[in-house]
Structures are given as structure tokens and as C-alpha cells.
Amino acid sequence: MRVLIKSNNPVQLNFAQTVLKDAGIAWFLFDEQMSVMEGSLGVLPRRLMVADEDYAQAADLMRESAPDLPVES
């Protein structure tokens, strides 16, 4: 799996998940429950992961649909 997006912005993450789902690309959100460890401050970024073989398509899709999302390279 590869990191597609790192963000602590739930709106960005939700948008990215919806775009990926509509394209039929499976994703997984890492570090979603870290807010418990950090005291619910929201400072630790969540990592939106995709399979290695889906990364290129997912990255292109994110760059097209939301150019200001921080796509990892």
C-alpha cells in the first residue's frame, strides 16, 4: 500500500474517499483513531492509502479532481 494523501482535514479526506470510491479504487484510512492518543486535537494527519497497483490512477484522479489536495509522490 502507498500513501496517497496525508491530511488532518476531514473534508479533504472525505472528498478524496468519495472520488476514489466512484472510480472503483479501494482505499484504507490509516491513523483514523489517533485522535484518542493525541487528546482529540486533530494535529496528527490521517493517511489515505491505496494499493500499489492503483496508486498512479488514484494520484492522476486526485490531481484532476482536486488540484489543491496534497497528493504524496
C-alpha atoms as a PDB file:
ATOM      1  CA  MET A   1       0.000   0.000   0.000  1.00  0.00           C
ATOM      2  CA  ARG A   2       1.099   3.556  -0.655  1.00  0.00           C
ATOM      3  CA  VAL A   3       0.146   6.864   0.904  1.00  0.00           C
ATOM      4  CA  LEU A   4      -1.973   8.893  -1.482  1.00  0.00           C
ATOM      5  CA  ILE A   5      -2.866  11.809   0.804  1.00  0.00           C
ATOM      6  CA  LYS A   6      -1.820  12.876   4.289  1.00  0.00           C
ATOM      7  CA  SER A   7      -4.192  15.353   5.875  1.00  0.00           C
ATOM      8  CA  ASN A   8      -5.860  16.243   9.131  1.00  0.00           C
ATOM      9  CA  ASN A   9      -8.687  17.924   7.215  1.00  0.00           C
ATOM     10  CA  PRO A  10     -11.727  15.611   7.346  1.00  0.00           C
ATOM     11  CA  VAL A  11     -13.442  17.408   4.445  1.00  0.00           C
ATOM     12  CA  GLN A  12     -10.476  16.811   2.118  1.00  0.00           C
ATOM     13  CA  LEU A  13     -10.246  13.183   3.168  1.00  0.00           C
ATOM     14  CA  ASN A  14     -13.969  12.589   2.724  1.00  0.00           C
ATOM     15  CA  PHE A  15     -13.889  14.159  -0.740  1.00  0.00           C
ATOM     16  CA  ALA A  16     -10.898  12.029  -1.765  1.00  0.00           C
ATOM     17  CA  GLN A  17     -12.564   8.861  -0.453  1.00  0.00           C
ATOM     18  CA  THR A  18     -15.727   9.614  -2.431  1.00  0.00           C
ATOM     19  CA  VAL A  19     -13.784  10.275  -5.649  1.00  0.00           C
ATOM     20  CA  LEU A  20     -11.845   7.027  -5.226  1.00  0.00           C
ATOM     21  CA  LYS A  21     -14.994   5.050  -4.423  1.00  0.00           C
ATOM     22  CA  ASP A  22     -16.773   6.419  -7.514  1.00  0.00           C
ATOM     23  CA  ALA A  23     -13.768   5.361  -9.622  1.00  0.00           C
ATOM     24  CA  GLY A  24     -13.816   1.864  -8.136  1.00  0.00           C
ATOM     25  CA  ILE A  25     -10.474   2.253  -6.367  1.00  0.00           C
ATOM     26  CA  ALA A  26     -10.219   0.600  -2.965  1.00  0.00           C
ATOM     27  CA  TRP A  27      -8.761   2.737  -0.166  1.00  0.00           C
ATOM     28  CA  PHE A  28      -7.984   2.466   3.519  1.00  0.00           C
ATOM     29  CA  LEU A  29      -7.622   5.252   6.082  1.00  0.00           C
ATOM     30  CA  PHE A  30      -4.693   4.837   8.482  1.00  0.00           C
ATOM     31  CA  ASP A  31      -4.327   6.710  11.786  1.00  0.00           C
ATOM     32  CA  GLU A  32      -8.044   7.483  11.948  1.00  0.00           C
ATOM     33  CA  GLN A  33      -8.232   6.744  15.672  1.00  0.00           C
ATOM     34  CA  MET A  34      -5.050   8.615  16.621  1.00  0.00           C
ATOM     35  CA  SER A  35      -7.159  11.488  17.970  1.00  0.00           C
ATOM     36  CA  VAL A  36      -7.647   9.416  21.120  1.00  0.00           C
ATOM     37  CA  MET A  37      -3.874   9.289  21.603  1.00  0.00           C
ATOM     38  CA  GLU A  38      -3.345  12.985  20.866  1.00  0.00           C
ATOM     39  CA  GLY A  39      -6.182  14.228  23.053  1.00  0.00           C
ATOM     40  CA  SER A  40      -8.629  14.962  20.198  1.00  0.00           C
ATOM     41  CA  LEU A  41      -6.648  17.986  18.998  1.00  0.00           C
ATOM     42  CA  GLY A  42      -6.638  16.913  15.346  1.00  0.00           C
ATOM     43  CA  VAL A  43      -2.942  17.668  14.818  1.00  0.00           C
ATOM     44  CA  LEU A  44      -1.830  14.246  13.574  1.00  0.00           C
ATOM     45  CA  PRO A  45      -2.549  13.713   9.877  1.00  0.00           C
ATOM     46  CA  ARG A  46      -4.560  10.755   8.649  1.00  0.00           C
ATOM     47  CA  ARG A  47      -3.109   8.735   5.776  1.00  0.00           C
ATOM     48  CA  LEU A  48      -5.326   7.745   2.863  1.00  0.00           C
ATOM     49  CA  MET A  49      -3.776   4.598   1.418  1.00  0.00           C
ATOM     50  CA  VAL A  50      -4.313   2.809  -1.896  1.00  0.00           C
ATOM     51  CA  ALA A  51      -2.867  -0.408  -3.330  1.00  0.00           C
ATOM     52  CA  ASP A  52       0.478  -0.045  -5.100  1.00  0.00           C
ATOM     53  CA  GLU A  53      -1.055  -1.018  -8.429  1.00  0.00           C
ATOM     54  CA  ASP A  54      -3.828   1.618  -8.070  1.00  0.00           C
ATOM     55  CA  TYR A  55      -1.550   4.470  -6.989  1.00  0.00           C
ATOM     56  CA  ALA A  56      -0.844   6.022 -10.430  1.00  0.00           C
ATOM     57  CA  GLN A  57      -4.522   6.061 -11.403  1.00  0.00           C
ATOM     58  CA  ALA A  58      -5.580   7.382  -7.984  1.00  0.00           C
ATOM     59  CA  ALA A  59      -2.935  10.131  -7.999  1.00  0.00           C
ATOM     60  CA  ASP A  60      -3.946  11.259 -11.502  1.00  0.00           C
ATOM     61  CA  LEU A  61      -7.584  11.258 -10.462  1.00  0.00           C
ATOM     62  CA  MET A  62      -6.864  13.381  -7.383  1.00  0.00           C
ATOM     63  CA  ARG A  63      -4.745  15.864  -9.352  1.00  0.00           C
ATOM     64  CA  GLU A  64      -7.561  16.262 -11.894  1.00  0.00           C
ATOM     65  CA  SER A  65     -10.500  16.485  -9.497  1.00  0.00           C
ATOM     66  CA  ALA A  66      -8.873  18.466  -6.676  1.00  0.00           C
ATOM     67  CA  PRO A  67      -5.532  20.050  -7.608  1.00  0.00           C
ATOM     68  CA  ASP A  68      -5.091  21.590  -4.134  1.00  0.00           C
ATOM     69  CA  LEU A  69      -5.166  18.225  -2.327  1.00  0.00           C
ATOM     70  CA  PRO A  70      -1.706  17.271  -1.036  1.00  0.00           C
ATOM     71  CA  VAL A  71      -1.037  14.135  -3.136  1.00  0.00           C
ATOM     72  CA  GLU A  72       2.077  12.291  -1.941  1.00  0.00           C
ATOM     73  CA  SER A  73       4.659  11.375  -4.561  1.00  0.00           C
END
